[in-house]
mmCIF file of all heavy atoms, coordinates in Angstrom:
data_MODEL
# 
_entry.id   MODEL 
# 
loop_
_atom_site.group_PDB 
_atom_site.id 
_atom_site.type_symbol 
_atom_site.label_atom_id 
_atom_site.label_alt_id 
_atom_site.label_comp_id 
_atom_site.label_asym_id 
_atom_site.label_entity_id 
_atom_site.label_seq_id 
_atom_site.pdbx_PDB_ins_code 
_atom_site.Cartn_x 
_atom_site.Cartn_y 
_atom_site.Cartn_z 
_atom_site.occupancy 
_atom_site.B_iso_or_equiv 
_atom_site.pdbx_formal_charge 
_atom_site.auth_seq_id 
_atom_site.auth_comp_id 
_atom_site.auth_asym_id 
_atom_site.auth_atom_id 
_atom_site.pdbx_PDB_model_num 
ATOM 1   N N   . PRO A 1 1  ? -37.165 101.143 -20.064 1.00 0.00 ? 1  PRO A N   1 
ATOM 2   C CA  . PRO A 1 1  ? -37.338 102.557 -20.419 1.00 0.00 ? 1  PRO A CA  1 
ATOM 3   C C   . PRO A 1 1  ? -38.558 103.192 -19.737 1.00 0.00 ? 1  PRO A C   1 
ATOM 4   O O   . PRO A 1 1  ? -39.581 102.538 -19.529 1.00 0.00 ? 1  PRO A O   1 
ATOM 5   C CB  . PRO A 1 1  ? -37.556 102.528 -21.939 1.00 0.00 ? 1  PRO A CB  1 
ATOM 6   C CG  . PRO A 1 1  ? -37.015 101.215 -22.387 1.00 0.00 ? 1  PRO A CG  1 
ATOM 7   C CD  . PRO A 1 1  ? -37.203 100.273 -21.231 1.00 0.00 ? 1  PRO A CD  1 
ATOM 8   N N   . LEU A 1 2  ? -38.421 104.457 -19.413 1.00 0.00 ? 2  LEU A N   1 
ATOM 9   C CA  . LEU A 1 2  ? -39.538 105.231 -18.876 1.00 0.00 ? 2  LEU A CA  1 
ATOM 10  C C   . LEU A 1 2  ? -40.284 105.878 -20.035 1.00 0.00 ? 2  LEU A C   1 
ATOM 11  O O   . LEU A 1 2  ? -39.691 106.197 -21.067 1.00 0.00 ? 2  LEU A O   1 
ATOM 12  C CB  . LEU A 1 2  ? -39.026 106.320 -17.930 1.00 0.00 ? 2  LEU A CB  1 
ATOM 13  C CG  . LEU A 1 2  ? -38.255 105.860 -16.697 1.00 0.00 ? 2  LEU A CG  1 
ATOM 14  C CD1 . LEU A 1 2  ? -37.740 107.067 -15.917 1.00 0.00 ? 2  LEU A CD1 1 
ATOM 15  C CD2 . LEU A 1 2  ? -39.125 104.998 -15.807 1.00 0.00 ? 2  LEU A CD2 1 
ATOM 16  N N   . GLU A 1 3  ? -41.578 106.086 -19.853 1.00 0.00 ? 3  GLU A N   1 
ATOM 17  C CA  . GLU A 1 3  ? -42.371 106.770 -20.870 1.00 0.00 ? 3  GLU A CA  1 
ATOM 18  C C   . GLU A 1 3  ? -42.151 108.272 -20.715 1.00 0.00 ? 3  GLU A C   1 
ATOM 19  O O   . GLU A 1 3  ? -42.295 108.818 -19.622 1.00 0.00 ? 3  GLU A O   1 
ATOM 20  C CB  . GLU A 1 3  ? -43.844 106.438 -20.687 1.00 0.00 ? 3  GLU A CB  1 
ATOM 21  C CG  . GLU A 1 3  ? -44.720 107.037 -21.769 1.00 0.00 ? 3  GLU A CG  1 
ATOM 22  C CD  . GLU A 1 3  ? -46.180 106.636 -21.616 1.00 0.00 ? 3  GLU A CD  1 
ATOM 23  O OE1 . GLU A 1 3  ? -46.448 105.504 -21.189 1.00 0.00 ? 3  GLU A OE1 1 
ATOM 24  O OE2 . GLU A 1 3  ? -47.032 107.477 -21.939 1.00 0.00 ? 3  GLU A OE2 1 
ATOM 25  N N   . LEU A 1 4  ? -41.791 108.933 -21.799 1.00 0.00 ? 4  LEU A N   1 
ATOM 26  C CA  . LEU A 1 4  ? -41.507 110.363 -21.768 1.00 0.00 ? 4  LEU A CA  1 
ATOM 27  C C   . LEU A 1 4  ? -42.558 111.131 -22.571 1.00 0.00 ? 4  LEU A C   1 
ATOM 28  O O   . LEU A 1 4  ? -42.524 111.147 -23.799 1.00 0.00 ? 4  LEU A O   1 
ATOM 29  C CB  . LEU A 1 4  ? -40.114 110.653 -22.332 1.00 0.00 ? 4  LEU A CB  1 
ATOM 30  C CG  . LEU A 1 4  ? -39.693 112.108 -22.347 1.00 0.00 ? 4  LEU A CG  1 
ATOM 31  C CD1 . LEU A 1 4  ? -39.617 112.668 -20.931 1.00 0.00 ? 4  LEU A CD1 1 
ATOM 32  C CD2 . LEU A 1 4  ? -38.339 112.251 -23.038 1.00 0.00 ? 4  LEU A CD2 1 
ATOM 33  N N   . PRO A 1 5  ? -43.495 111.779 -21.883 1.00 0.00 ? 5  PRO A N   1 
ATOM 34  C CA  . PRO A 1 5  ? -44.500 112.570 -22.590 1.00 0.00 ? 5  PRO A CA  1 
ATOM 35  C C   . PRO A 1 5  ? -43.879 113.884 -23.069 1.00 0.00 ? 5  PRO A C   1 
ATOM 36  O O   . PRO A 1 5  ? -43.250 114.605 -22.290 1.00 0.00 ? 5  PRO A O   1 
ATOM 37  C CB  . PRO A 1 5  ? -45.568 112.814 -21.520 1.00 0.00 ? 5  PRO A CB  1 
ATOM 38  C CG  . PRO A 1 5  ? -44.848 112.697 -20.225 1.00 0.00 ? 5  PRO A CG  1 
ATOM 39  C CD  . PRO A 1 5  ? -43.696 111.772 -20.441 1.00 0.00 ? 5  PRO A CD  1 
ATOM 40  N N   . VAL A 1 6  ? -44.045 114.195 -24.321 1.00 0.00 ? 6  VAL A N   1 
ATOM 41  C CA  . VAL A 1 6  ? -43.368 115.346 -24.916 1.00 0.00 ? 6  VAL A CA  1 
ATOM 42  C C   . VAL A 1 6  ? -44.140 116.657 -24.726 1.00 0.00 ? 6  VAL A C   1 
ATOM 43  O O   . VAL A 1 6  ? -43.535 117.693 -24.452 1.00 0.00 ? 6  VAL A O   1 
ATOM 44  C CB  . VAL A 1 6  ? -43.097 115.084 -26.417 1.00 0.00 ? 6  VAL A CB  1 
ATOM 45  C CG1 . VAL A 1 6  ? -42.466 116.289 -27.073 1.00 0.00 ? 6  VAL A CG1 1 
ATOM 46  C CG2 . VAL A 1 6  ? -42.190 113.869 -26.572 1.00 0.00 ? 6  VAL A CG2 1 
ATOM 47  N N   . PHE A 1 7  ? -45.462 116.634 -24.873 1.00 0.00 ? 7  PHE A N   1 
ATOM 48  C CA  . PHE A 1 7  ? -46.225 117.887 -24.819 1.00 0.00 ? 7  PHE A CA  1 
ATOM 49  C C   . PHE A 1 7  ? -45.978 118.695 -23.547 1.00 0.00 ? 7  PHE A C   1 
ATOM 50  O O   . PHE A 1 7  ? -45.771 119.913 -23.625 1.00 0.00 ? 7  PHE A O   1 
ATOM 51  C CB  . PHE A 1 7  ? -47.722 117.644 -25.028 1.00 0.00 ? 7  PHE A CB  1 
ATOM 52  C CG  . PHE A 1 7  ? -48.501 118.921 -25.119 1.00 0.00 ? 7  PHE A CG  1 
ATOM 53  C CD1 . PHE A 1 7  ? -48.421 119.730 -26.248 1.00 0.00 ? 7  PHE A CD1 1 
ATOM 54  C CD2 . PHE A 1 7  ? -49.277 119.347 -24.050 1.00 0.00 ? 7  PHE A CD2 1 
ATOM 55  C CE1 . PHE A 1 7  ? -49.113 120.931 -26.312 1.00 0.00 ? 7  PHE A CE1 1 
ATOM 56  C CE2 . PHE A 1 7  ? -49.974 120.542 -24.103 1.00 0.00 ? 7  PHE A CE2 1 
ATOM 57  C CZ  . PHE A 1 7  ? -49.895 121.339 -25.247 1.00 0.00 ? 7  PHE A CZ  1 
ATOM 58  N N   . PRO A 1 8  ? -45.967 118.085 -22.351 1.00 0.00 ? 8  PRO A N   1 
ATOM 59  C CA  . PRO A 1 8  ? -45.708 118.879 -21.139 1.00 0.00 ? 8  PRO A CA  1 
ATOM 60  C C   . PRO A 1 8  ? -44.314 119.513 -21.125 1.00 0.00 ? 8  PRO A C   1 
ATOM 61  O O   . PRO A 1 8  ? -44.112 120.549 -20.504 1.00 0.00 ? 8  PRO A O   1 
ATOM 62  C CB  . PRO A 1 8  ? -45.841 117.872 -19.996 1.00 0.00 ? 8  PRO A CB  1 
ATOM 63  C CG  . PRO A 1 8  ? -46.594 116.731 -20.553 1.00 0.00 ? 8  PRO A CG  1 
ATOM 64  C CD  . PRO A 1 8  ? -46.300 116.702 -22.024 1.00 0.00 ? 8  PRO A CD  1 
ATOM 65  N N   . LEU A 1 9  ? -43.366 118.891 -21.823 1.00 0.00 ? 9  LEU A N   1 
ATOM 66  C CA  . LEU A 1 9  ? -42.029 119.476 -21.912 1.00 0.00 ? 9  LEU A CA  1 
ATOM 67  C C   . LEU A 1 9  ? -42.046 120.708 -22.808 1.00 0.00 ? 9  LEU A C   1 
ATOM 68  O O   . LEU A 1 9  ? -41.506 121.760 -22.467 1.00 0.00 ? 9  LEU A O   1 
ATOM 69  C CB  . LEU A 1 9  ? -41.025 118.457 -22.460 1.00 0.00 ? 9  LEU A CB  1 
ATOM 70  C CG  . LEU A 1 9  ? -40.812 117.199 -21.644 1.00 0.00 ? 9  LEU A CG  1 
ATOM 71  C CD1 . LEU A 1 9  ? -39.888 116.239 -22.380 1.00 0.00 ? 9  LEU A CD1 1 
ATOM 72  C CD2 . LEU A 1 9  ? -40.246 117.538 -20.274 1.00 0.00 ? 9  LEU A CD2 1 
ATOM 73  N N   . ILE A 1 10 ? -42.707 120.570 -23.959 1.00 0.00 ? 10 ILE A N   1 
ATOM 74  C CA  . ILE A 1 10 ? -42.773 121.658 -24.929 1.00 0.00 ? 10 ILE A CA  1 
ATOM 75  C C   . ILE A 1 10 ? -43.542 122.853 -24.367 1.00 0.00 ? 10 ILE A C   1 
ATOM 76  O O   . ILE A 1 10 ? -43.087 123.994 -24.461 1.00 0.00 ? 10 ILE A O   1 
ATOM 77  C CB  . ILE A 1 10 ? -43.438 121.166 -26.242 1.00 0.00 ? 10 ILE A CB  1 
ATOM 78  C CG1 . ILE A 1 10 ? -42.551 120.126 -26.921 1.00 0.00 ? 10 ILE A CG1 1 
ATOM 79  C CG2 . ILE A 1 10 ? -43.721 122.338 -27.178 1.00 0.00 ? 10 ILE A CG2 1 
ATOM 80  C CD1 . ILE A 1 10 ? -43.226 119.393 -28.061 1.00 0.00 ? 10 ILE A CD1 1 
ATOM 81  N N   . SER A 1 11 ? -44.688 122.572 -23.769 1.00 0.00 ? 11 SER A N   1 
ATOM 82  C CA  . SER A 1 11 ? -45.549 123.668 -23.319 1.00 0.00 ? 11 SER A CA  1 
ATOM 83  C C   . SER A 1 11 ? -44.968 124.452 -22.149 1.00 0.00 ? 11 SER A C   1 
ATOM 84  O O   . SER A 1 11 ? -45.339 125.600 -21.936 1.00 0.00 ? 11 SER A O   1 
ATOM 85  C CB  . SER A 1 11 ? -46.945 123.142 -22.952 1.00 0.00 ? 11 SER A CB  1 
ATOM 86  O OG  . SER A 1 11 ? -46.864 122.275 -21.843 1.00 0.00 ? 11 SER A OG  1 
ATOM 87  N N   . GLY A 1 12 ? -44.057 123.865 -21.406 1.00 0.00 ? 12 GLY A N   1 
ATOM 88  C CA  . GLY A 1 12 ? -43.487 124.590 -20.268 1.00 0.00 ? 12 GLY A CA  1 
ATOM 89  C C   . GLY A 1 12 ? -42.001 124.827 -20.388 1.00 0.00 ? 12 GLY A C   1 
ATOM 90  O O   . GLY A 1 12 ? -41.362 125.255 -19.436 1.00 0.00 ? 12 GLY A O   1 
ATOM 91  N N   . ARG A 1 13 ? -41.462 124.529 -21.578 1.00 0.00 ? 13 ARG A N   1 
ATOM 92  C CA  . ARG A 1 13 ? -40.022 124.635 -21.794 1.00 0.00 ? 13 ARG A CA  1 
ATOM 93  C C   . ARG A 1 13 ? -39.253 123.939 -20.667 1.00 0.00 ? 13 ARG A C   1 
ATOM 94  O O   . ARG A 1 13 ? -38.299 124.451 -20.096 1.00 0.00 ? 13 ARG A O   1 
ATOM 95  C CB  . ARG A 1 13 ? -39.593 126.087 -21.884 1.00 0.00 ? 13 ARG A CB  1 
ATOM 96  C CG  . ARG A 1 13 ? -38.822 126.342 -23.122 1.00 0.00 ? 13 ARG A CG  1 
ATOM 97  C CD  . ARG A 1 13 ? -38.267 127.706 -23.215 1.00 0.00 ? 13 ARG A CD  1 
ATOM 98  N NE  . ARG A 1 13 ? -38.323 128.046 -24.627 1.00 0.00 ? 13 ARG A NE  1 
ATOM 99  C CZ  . ARG A 1 13 ? -38.048 129.208 -25.116 1.00 0.00 ? 13 ARG A CZ  1 
ATOM 100 N NH1 . ARG A 1 13 ? -37.720 130.193 -24.316 1.00 0.00 ? 13 ARG A NH1 1 
ATOM 101 N NH2 . ARG A 1 13 ? -38.109 129.416 -26.398 1.00 0.00 ? 13 ARG A NH2 1 
ATOM 102 N N   . LYS A 1 14 ? -39.722 122.731 -20.361 1.00 0.00 ? 14 LYS A N   1 
ATOM 103 C CA  . LYS A 1 14 ? -39.133 121.953 -19.280 1.00 0.00 ? 14 LYS A CA  1 
ATOM 104 C C   . LYS A 1 14 ? -38.118 120.970 -19.860 1.00 0.00 ? 14 LYS A C   1 
ATOM 105 O O   . LYS A 1 14 ? -38.169 120.641 -21.042 1.00 0.00 ? 14 LYS A O   1 
ATOM 106 C CB  . LYS A 1 14 ? -40.235 121.199 -18.524 1.00 0.00 ? 14 LYS A CB  1 
ATOM 107 C CG  . LYS A 1 14 ? -41.239 122.145 -17.888 1.00 0.00 ? 14 LYS A CG  1 
ATOM 108 C CD  . LYS A 1 14 ? -42.414 121.419 -17.278 1.00 0.00 ? 14 LYS A CD  1 
ATOM 109 C CE  . LYS A 1 14 ? -43.438 122.402 -16.738 1.00 0.00 ? 14 LYS A CE  1 
ATOM 110 N NZ  . LYS A 1 14 ? -44.581 121.726 -16.115 1.00 0.00 ? 14 LYS A NZ  1 
ATOM 111 N N   . MET A 1 15 ? -37.217 120.510 -19.003 1.00 0.00 ? 15 MET A N   1 
ATOM 112 C CA  . MET A 1 15 ? -36.170 119.598 -19.446 1.00 0.00 ? 15 MET A CA  1 
ATOM 113 C C   . MET A 1 15 ? -36.148 118.342 -18.593 1.00 0.00 ? 15 MET A C   1 
ATOM 114 O O   . MET A 1 15 ? -36.459 118.386 -17.404 1.00 0.00 ? 15 MET A O   1 
ATOM 115 C CB  . MET A 1 15 ? -34.809 120.277 -19.348 1.00 0.00 ? 15 MET A CB  1 
ATOM 116 C CG  . MET A 1 15 ? -34.640 121.436 -20.300 1.00 0.00 ? 15 MET A CG  1 
ATOM 117 S SD  . MET A 1 15 ? -32.986 122.135 -20.225 1.00 0.00 ? 15 MET A SD  1 
ATOM 118 C CE  . MET A 1 15 ? -33.045 122.969 -18.647 1.00 0.00 ? 15 MET A CE  1 
ATOM 119 N N   . VAL A 1 16 ? -35.744 117.246 -19.232 1.00 0.00 ? 16 VAL A N   1 
ATOM 120 C CA  . VAL A 1 16 ? -35.444 116.010 -18.529 1.00 0.00 ? 16 VAL A CA  1 
ATOM 121 C C   . VAL A 1 16 ? -33.984 115.719 -18.825 1.00 0.00 ? 16 VAL A C   1 
ATOM 122 O O   . VAL A 1 16 ? -33.554 115.742 -19.980 1.00 0.00 ? 16 VAL A O   1 
ATOM 123 C CB  . VAL A 1 16 ? -36.330 114.836 -18.999 1.00 0.00 ? 16 VAL A CB  1 
ATOM 124 C CG1 . VAL A 1 16 ? -35.931 113.539 -18.310 1.00 0.00 ? 16 VAL A CG1 1 
ATOM 125 C CG2 . VAL A 1 16 ? -37.800 115.143 -18.740 1.00 0.00 ? 16 VAL A CG2 1 
ATOM 126 N N   . ALA A 1 17 ? -33.212 115.494 -17.779 1.00 0.00 ? 17 ALA A N   1 
ATOM 127 C CA  . ALA A 1 17 ? -31.780 115.272 -17.929 1.00 0.00 ? 17 ALA A CA  1 
ATOM 128 C C   . ALA A 1 17 ? -31.357 114.084 -17.083 1.00 0.00 ? 17 ALA A C   1 
ATOM 129 O O   . ALA A 1 17 ? -32.114 113.595 -16.244 1.00 0.00 ? 17 ALA A O   1 
ATOM 130 C CB  . ALA A 1 17 ? -31.015 116.526 -17.497 1.00 0.00 ? 17 ALA A CB  1 
ATOM 131 N N   . GLY A 1 18 ? -30.152 113.650 -17.291 1.00 0.00 ? 18 GLY A N   1 
ATOM 132 C CA  . GLY A 1 18 ? -29.560 112.591 -16.485 1.00 0.00 ? 18 GLY A CA  1 
ATOM 133 C C   . GLY A 1 18 ? -28.259 113.091 -15.897 1.00 0.00 ? 18 GLY A C   1 
ATOM 134 O O   . GLY A 1 18 ? -27.676 114.067 -16.373 1.00 0.00 ? 18 GLY A O   1 
ATOM 135 N N   . SER A 1 19 ? -27.807 112.431 -14.843 1.00 0.00 ? 19 SER A N   1 
ATOM 136 C CA  . SER A 1 19 ? -26.546 112.831 -14.224 1.00 0.00 ? 19 SER A CA  1 
ATOM 137 C C   . SER A 1 19 ? -25.905 111.615 -13.573 1.00 0.00 ? 19 SER A C   1 
ATOM 138 O O   . SER A 1 19 ? -26.584 110.812 -12.934 1.00 0.00 ? 19 SER A O   1 
ATOM 139 C CB  . SER A 1 19 ? -26.795 113.929 -13.183 1.00 0.00 ? 19 SER A CB  1 
ATOM 140 O OG  . SER A 1 19 ? -25.577 114.370 -12.610 1.00 0.00 ? 19 SER A OG  1 
ATOM 141 N N   . GLY A 1 20 ? -24.613 111.508 -13.749 1.00 0.00 ? 20 GLY A N   1 
ATOM 142 C CA  . GLY A 1 20 ? -23.835 110.460 -13.093 1.00 0.00 ? 20 GLY A CA  1 
ATOM 143 C C   . GLY A 1 20 ? -23.085 111.079 -11.928 1.00 0.00 ? 20 GLY A C   1 
ATOM 144 O O   . GLY A 1 20 ? -23.628 111.884 -11.182 1.00 0.00 ? 20 GLY A O   1 
ATOM 145 N N   . ILE A 1 21 ? -21.835 110.724 -11.809 1.00 0.00 ? 21 ILE A N   1 
ATOM 146 C CA  . ILE A 1 21 ? -21.033 111.270 -10.719 1.00 0.00 ? 21 ILE A CA  1 
ATOM 147 C C   . ILE A 1 21 ? -20.059 112.306 -11.261 1.00 0.00 ? 21 ILE A C   1 
ATOM 148 O O   . ILE A 1 21 ? -19.886 112.436 -12.462 1.00 0.00 ? 21 ILE A O   1 
ATOM 149 C CB  . ILE A 1 21 ? -20.286 110.156 -9.957  1.00 0.00 ? 21 ILE A CB  1 
ATOM 150 C CG1 . ILE A 1 21 ? -19.342 109.392 -10.881 1.00 0.00 ? 21 ILE A CG1 1 
ATOM 151 C CG2 . ILE A 1 21 ? -21.276 109.210 -9.302  1.00 0.00 ? 21 ILE A CG2 1 
ATOM 152 C CD1 . ILE A 1 21 ? -18.441 108.413 -10.170 1.00 0.00 ? 21 ILE A CD1 1 
ATOM 153 N N   . GLY A 1 22 ? -19.423 113.044 -10.370 1.00 0.00 ? 22 GLY A N   1 
ATOM 154 C CA  . GLY A 1 22 ? -18.476 114.081 -10.771 1.00 0.00 ? 22 GLY A CA  1 
ATOM 155 C C   . GLY A 1 22 ? -17.044 113.591 -10.699 1.00 0.00 ? 22 GLY A C   1 
ATOM 156 O O   . GLY A 1 22 ? -16.771 112.446 -10.355 1.00 0.00 ? 22 GLY A O   1 
ATOM 157 N N   . GLY A 1 23 ? -16.134 114.508 -10.991 1.00 0.00 ? 23 GLY A N   1 
ATOM 158 C CA  . GLY A 1 23 ? -14.713 114.197 -10.967 1.00 0.00 ? 23 GLY A CA  1 
ATOM 159 C C   . GLY A 1 23 ? -14.107 114.420 -9.585  1.00 0.00 ? 23 GLY A C   1 
ATOM 160 O O   . GLY A 1 23 ? -14.804 114.689 -8.607  1.00 0.00 ? 23 GLY A O   1 
ATOM 161 N N   . MET A 1 24 ? -12.794 114.351 -9.535  1.00 0.00 ? 24 MET A N   1 
ATOM 162 C CA  . MET A 1 24 ? -12.065 114.471 -8.269  1.00 0.00 ? 24 MET A CA  1 
ATOM 163 C C   . MET A 1 24 ? -12.250 115.844 -7.624  1.00 0.00 ? 24 MET A C   1 
ATOM 164 O O   . MET A 1 24 ? -12.449 115.940 -6.410  1.00 0.00 ? 24 MET A O   1 
ATOM 165 C CB  . MET A 1 24 ? -10.575 114.194 -8.493  1.00 0.00 ? 24 MET A CB  1 
ATOM 166 C CG  . MET A 1 24 ? -10.281 112.746 -8.850  1.00 0.00 ? 24 MET A CG  1 
ATOM 167 S SD  . MET A 1 24 ? -10.773 111.589 -7.544  1.00 0.00 ? 24 MET A SD  1 
ATOM 168 C CE  . MET A 1 24 ? -9.618  111.994 -6.276  1.00 0.00 ? 24 MET A CE  1 
ATOM 169 N N   . LYS A 1 25 ? -12.182 116.905 -8.411  1.00 0.00 ? 25 LYS A N   1 
ATOM 170 C CA  . LYS A 1 25 ? -12.319 118.255 -7.864  1.00 0.00 ? 25 LYS A CA  1 
ATOM 171 C C   . LYS A 1 25 ? -13.697 118.439 -7.222  1.00 0.00 ? 25 LYS A C   1 
ATOM 172 O O   . LYS A 1 25 ? -13.824 118.948 -6.106  1.00 0.00 ? 25 LYS A O   1 
ATOM 173 C CB  . LYS A 1 25 ? -12.096 119.299 -8.962  1.00 0.00 ? 25 LYS A CB  1 
ATOM 174 C CG  . LYS A 1 25 ? -12.188 120.718 -8.475  1.00 0.00 ? 25 LYS A CG  1 
ATOM 175 C CD  . LYS A 1 25 ? -11.961 121.714 -9.598  1.00 0.00 ? 25 LYS A CD  1 
ATOM 176 C CE  . LYS A 1 25 ? -12.142 123.128 -9.076  1.00 0.00 ? 25 LYS A CE  1 
ATOM 177 N NZ  . LYS A 1 25 ? -12.134 124.109 -10.144 1.00 0.00 ? 25 LYS A NZ  1 
ATOM 178 N N   . GLU A 1 26 ? -14.742 118.014 -7.928  1.00 0.00 ? 26 GLU A N   1 
ATOM 179 C CA  . GLU A 1 26 ? -16.092 118.146 -7.402  1.00 0.00 ? 26 GLU A CA  1 
ATOM 180 C C   . GLU A 1 26 ? -16.317 117.221 -6.201  1.00 0.00 ? 26 GLU A C   1 
ATOM 181 O O   . GLU A 1 26 ? -17.028 117.578 -5.260  1.00 0.00 ? 26 GLU A O   1 
ATOM 182 C CB  . GLU A 1 26 ? -17.127 117.863 -8.499  1.00 0.00 ? 26 GLU A CB  1 
ATOM 183 C CG  . GLU A 1 26 ? -18.528 118.251 -8.102  1.00 0.00 ? 26 GLU A CG  1 
ATOM 184 C CD  . GLU A 1 26 ? -19.538 118.077 -9.227  1.00 0.00 ? 26 GLU A CD  1 
ATOM 185 O OE1 . GLU A 1 26 ? -19.349 117.182 -10.090 1.00 0.00 ? 26 GLU A OE1 1 
ATOM 186 O OE2 . GLU A 1 26 ? -20.530 118.822 -9.228  1.00 0.00 ? 26 GLU A OE2 1 
ATOM 187 N N   . THR A 1 27 ? -15.699 116.062 -6.216  1.00 0.00 ? 27 THR A N   1 
ATOM 188 C CA  . THR A 1 27 ? -15.812 115.146 -5.083  1.00 0.00 ? 27 THR A CA  1 
ATOM 189 C C   . THR A 1 27 ? -15.204 115.774 -3.832  1.00 0.00 ? 27 THR A C   1 
ATOM 190 O O   . THR A 1 27 ? -15.795 115.709 -2.743  1.00 0.00 ? 27 THR A O   1 
ATOM 191 C CB  . THR A 1 27 ? -15.136 113.792 -5.390  1.00 0.00 ? 27 THR A CB  1 
ATOM 192 O OG1 . THR A 1 27 ? -15.784 113.211 -6.536  1.00 0.00 ? 27 THR A OG1 1 
ATOM 193 C CG2 . THR A 1 27 ? -15.227 112.845 -4.212  1.00 0.00 ? 27 THR A CG2 1 
ATOM 194 N N   . GLN A 1 28 ? -14.039 116.408 -3.981  1.00 0.00 ? 28 GLN A N   1 
ATOM 195 C CA  . GLN A 1 28 ? -13.419 117.078 -2.835  1.00 0.00 ? 28 GLN A CA  1 
ATOM 196 C C   . GLN A 1 28 ? -14.292 118.229 -2.346  1.00 0.00 ? 28 GLN A C   1 
ATOM 197 O O   . GLN A 1 28 ? -14.453 118.423 -1.140  1.00 0.00 ? 28 GLN A O   1 
ATOM 198 C CB  . GLN A 1 28 ? -12.020 117.590 -3.186  1.00 0.00 ? 28 GLN A CB  1 
ATOM 199 C CG  . GLN A 1 28 ? -11.283 118.145 -1.981  1.00 0.00 ? 28 GLN A CG  1 
ATOM 200 C CD  . GLN A 1 28 ? -11.069 117.090 -0.899  1.00 0.00 ? 28 GLN A CD  1 
ATOM 201 O OE1 . GLN A 1 28 ? -10.477 116.048 -1.147  1.00 0.00 ? 28 GLN A OE1 1 
ATOM 202 N NE2 . GLN A 1 28 ? -11.561 117.342 0.307   1.00 0.00 ? 28 GLN A NE2 1 
# 
């Protein structure tokens, strides 16, 4: 696991997200 500091997210309304791969339409 990565360490996720919360205060910098709150103070700047920032987000941490994840992403995998897309479907067939997006791949094309």
